[in-house]
Amino acid sequence: MSVLEVAQLSIKDGSEAAFESAFPEAKLLIEAAPGHIESSLTRSASTDGYVLLVWWRTLEDHVEKFVGSPEFSKFQGLIGEYLAGEPTVKHFQEI
């Protein structure tokens, strides 16, 4: 059974366009990660936030393999300067 990562991202005011330009390269790192199934980024229609949805084969594929990898450091390097704080990340399993 797959795991859905839901990451709420707050972006610094005025950095939205730069973040959106940088994200496609960062997304390639997620897509290349072992256990990645699918991912998408959505922007709120009513607030300044974004939600990153990533489906992983297992929870360990995200929290151990990807977060513990050099690719995650590269991912953070590509988008980190645009974040207004730490993302809120939750994981869900289908019932």
C-alpha atoms as a PDB file:
ATOM      1  CA  MET A   1       0.000   0.000   0.000  1.00  0.00           C
ATOM      2  CA  SER A   2       1.431   3.388  -0.960  1.00  0.00           C
ATOM      3  CA  VAL A   3       1.970   6.391   1.305  1.00  0.00           C
ATOM      4  CA  LEU A   4       0.948   9.946   0.468  1.00  0.00           C
ATOM      5  CA  GLU A   5       3.234  12.721   1.696  1.00  0.00           C
ATOM      6  CA  VAL A   6       1.439  16.052   2.084  1.00  0.00           C
ATOM      7  CA  ALA A   7       3.858  18.952   2.527  1.00  0.00           C
ATOM      8  CA  GLN A   8       2.467  22.435   3.134  1.00  0.00           C
ATOM      9  CA  LEU A   9       4.935  25.058   1.924  1.00  0.00           C
ATOM     10  CA  SER A  10       4.877  28.727   2.863  1.00  0.00           C
ATOM     11  CA  ILE A  11       6.864  30.905   0.477  1.00  0.00           C
ATOM     12  CA  LYS A  12       8.442  34.259   1.280  1.00  0.00           C
ATOM     13  CA  ASP A  13       6.390  37.194   0.028  1.00  0.00           C
ATOM     14  CA  GLY A  14       7.441  38.184  -3.471  1.00  0.00           C
ATOM     15  CA  SER A  15       9.332  34.912  -4.069  1.00  0.00           C
ATOM     16  CA  GLU A  16       6.480  32.930  -5.586  1.00  0.00           C
ATOM     17  CA  ALA A  17       7.559  33.315  -9.226  1.00  0.00           C
ATOM     18  CA  ALA A  18      11.176  32.413  -8.435  1.00  0.00           C
ATOM     19  CA  PHE A  19      10.034  29.404  -6.404  1.00  0.00           C
ATOM     20  CA  GLU A  20       7.794  28.206  -9.233  1.00  0.00           C
ATOM     21  CA  SER A  21      10.689  28.592 -11.683  1.00  0.00           C
ATOM     22  CA  ALA A  22      13.061  26.619  -9.454  1.00  0.00           C
ATOM     23  CA  PHE A  23      10.618  23.850  -8.586  1.00  0.00           C
ATOM     24  CA  PRO A  24      10.690  21.827 -11.848  1.00  0.00           C
ATOM     25  CA  GLU A  25      14.402  21.069 -11.343  1.00  0.00           C
ATOM     26  CA  ALA A  26      13.765  20.161  -7.697  1.00  0.00           C
ATOM     27  CA  LYS A  27      10.867  17.917  -8.731  1.00  0.00           C
ATOM     28  CA  LEU A  28      13.215  15.913 -10.970  1.00  0.00           C
ATOM     29  CA  LEU A  29      15.152  14.911  -7.846  1.00  0.00           C
ATOM     30  CA  ILE A  30      11.963  13.657  -6.193  1.00  0.00           C
ATOM     31  CA  GLU A  31      10.910  11.788  -9.314  1.00  0.00           C
ATOM     32  CA  ALA A  32      14.281  10.014  -9.524  1.00  0.00           C
ATOM     33  CA  ALA A  33      14.134   8.856  -5.896  1.00  0.00           C
ATOM     34  CA  PRO A  34      13.658   5.157  -5.176  1.00  0.00           C
ATOM     35  CA  GLY A  35      10.045   4.438  -4.272  1.00  0.00           C
ATOM     36  CA  HIS A  36       8.613   7.565  -5.925  1.00  0.00           C
ATOM     37  CA  ILE A  37       5.278   6.891  -7.599  1.00  0.00           C
ATOM     38  CA  GLU A  38       3.819  10.291  -8.463  1.00  0.00           C
ATOM     39  CA  SER A  39       4.093  13.913  -7.362  1.00  0.00           C
ATOM     40  CA  SER A  40       2.456  17.277  -7.942  1.00  0.00           C
ATOM     41  CA  LEU A  41       2.655  20.829  -6.646  1.00  0.00           C
ATOM     42  CA  THR A  42      -0.460  22.936  -6.220  1.00  0.00           C
ATOM     43  CA  ARG A  43      -0.843  26.588  -5.299  1.00  0.00           C
ATOM     44  CA  SER A  44      -3.634  27.742  -3.029  1.00  0.00           C
ATOM     45  CA  ALA A  45      -6.341  29.743  -4.756  1.00  0.00           C
ATOM     46  CA  SER A  46      -7.120  31.664  -1.574  1.00  0.00           C
ATOM     47  CA  THR A  47      -3.855  31.987   0.396  1.00  0.00           C
ATOM     48  CA  ASP A  48      -0.150  32.311  -0.319  1.00  0.00           C
ATOM     49  CA  GLY A  49       0.669  28.651   0.291  1.00  0.00           C
ATOM     50  CA  TYR A  50       1.517  25.602  -1.766  1.00  0.00           C
ATOM     51  CA  VAL A  51       0.932  21.909  -1.208  1.00  0.00           C
ATOM     52  CA  LEU A  52       3.367  19.304  -2.466  1.00  0.00           C
ATOM     53  CA  LEU A  53       1.812  15.858  -2.850  1.00  0.00           C
ATOM     54  CA  VAL A  54       4.143  12.889  -3.259  1.00  0.00           C
ATOM     55  CA  TRP A  55       3.062   9.265  -3.412  1.00  0.00           C
ATOM     56  CA  TRP A  56       5.743   6.876  -2.179  1.00  0.00           C
ATOM     57  CA  ARG A  57       5.822   3.102  -2.284  1.00  0.00           C
ATOM     58  CA  THR A  58       6.611   3.027   1.478  1.00  0.00           C
ATOM     59  CA  LEU A  59       7.081   5.531   4.290  1.00  0.00           C
ATOM     60  CA  GLU A  60      10.733   4.481   4.495  1.00  0.00           C
ATOM     61  CA  ASP A  61      11.228   5.445   0.842  1.00  0.00           C
ATOM     62  CA  HIS A  62      10.519   9.025   1.870  1.00  0.00           C
ATOM     63  CA  VAL A  63      11.778   9.484   5.429  1.00  0.00           C
ATOM     64  CA  GLU A  64      14.848   7.262   5.239  1.00  0.00           C
ATOM     65  CA  LYS A  65      15.925   6.839   1.636  1.00  0.00           C
ATOM     66  CA  PHE A  66      15.059  10.249   0.137  1.00  0.00           C
ATOM     67  CA  VAL A  67      15.457  12.534   3.158  1.00  0.00           C
ATOM     68  CA  GLY A  68      18.726  10.791   4.040  1.00  0.00           C
ATOM     69  CA  SER A  69      20.156  11.092   0.534  1.00  0.00           C
ATOM     70  CA  PRO A  70      22.454  13.652  -1.112  1.00  0.00           C
ATOM     71  CA  GLU A  71      19.613  14.348  -3.551  1.00  0.00           C
ATOM     72  CA  PHE A  72      17.497  15.700  -0.684  1.00  0.00           C
ATOM     73  CA  SER A  73      20.252  18.197   0.131  1.00  0.00           C
ATOM     74  CA  LYS A  74      20.217  19.269  -3.515  1.00  0.00           C
ATOM     75  CA  PHE A  75      16.416  19.525  -3.379  1.00  0.00           C
ATOM     76  CA  GLN A  76      16.635  21.768  -0.305  1.00  0.00           C
ATOM     77  CA  GLY A  77      19.322  23.845  -2.001  1.00  0.00           C
ATOM     78  CA  LEU A  78      17.049  24.525  -4.963  1.00  0.00           C
ATOM     79  CA  ILE A  79      13.961  25.642  -3.030  1.00  0.00           C
ATOM     80  CA  GLY A  80      15.150  26.391   0.511  1.00  0.00           C
ATOM     81  CA  GLU A  81      15.857  30.082  -0.033  1.00  0.00           C
ATOM     82  CA  TYR A  82      12.215  30.652  -0.994  1.00  0.00           C
ATOM     83  CA  LEU A  83      10.648  28.969   2.035  1.00  0.00           C
ATOM     84  CA  ALA A  84       9.219  31.208   4.759  1.00  0.00           C
ATOM     85  CA  GLY A  85       9.639  28.431   7.340  1.00  0.00           C
ATOM     86  CA  GLU A  86       9.849  24.705   7.766  1.00  0.00           C
ATOM     87  CA  PRO A  87       7.288  22.786   5.700  1.00  0.00           C
ATOM     88  CA  THR A  88       4.536  20.970   7.564  1.00  0.00           C
ATOM     89  CA  VAL A  89       4.735  17.345   6.428  1.00  0.00           C
ATOM     90  CA  LYS A  90       2.225  14.584   7.096  1.00  0.00           C
ATOM     91  CA  HIS A  91       1.927  11.074   5.730  1.00  0.00           C
ATOM     92  CA  PHE A  92      -1.291   9.239   4.886  1.00  0.00           C
ATOM     93  CA  GLN A  93      -2.229   5.711   3.891  1.00  0.00           C
ATOM     94  CA  GLU A  94      -5.340   4.740   2.002  1.00  0.00           C
ATOM     95  CA  ILE A  95      -7.922   2.839   4.047  1.00  0.00           C
END
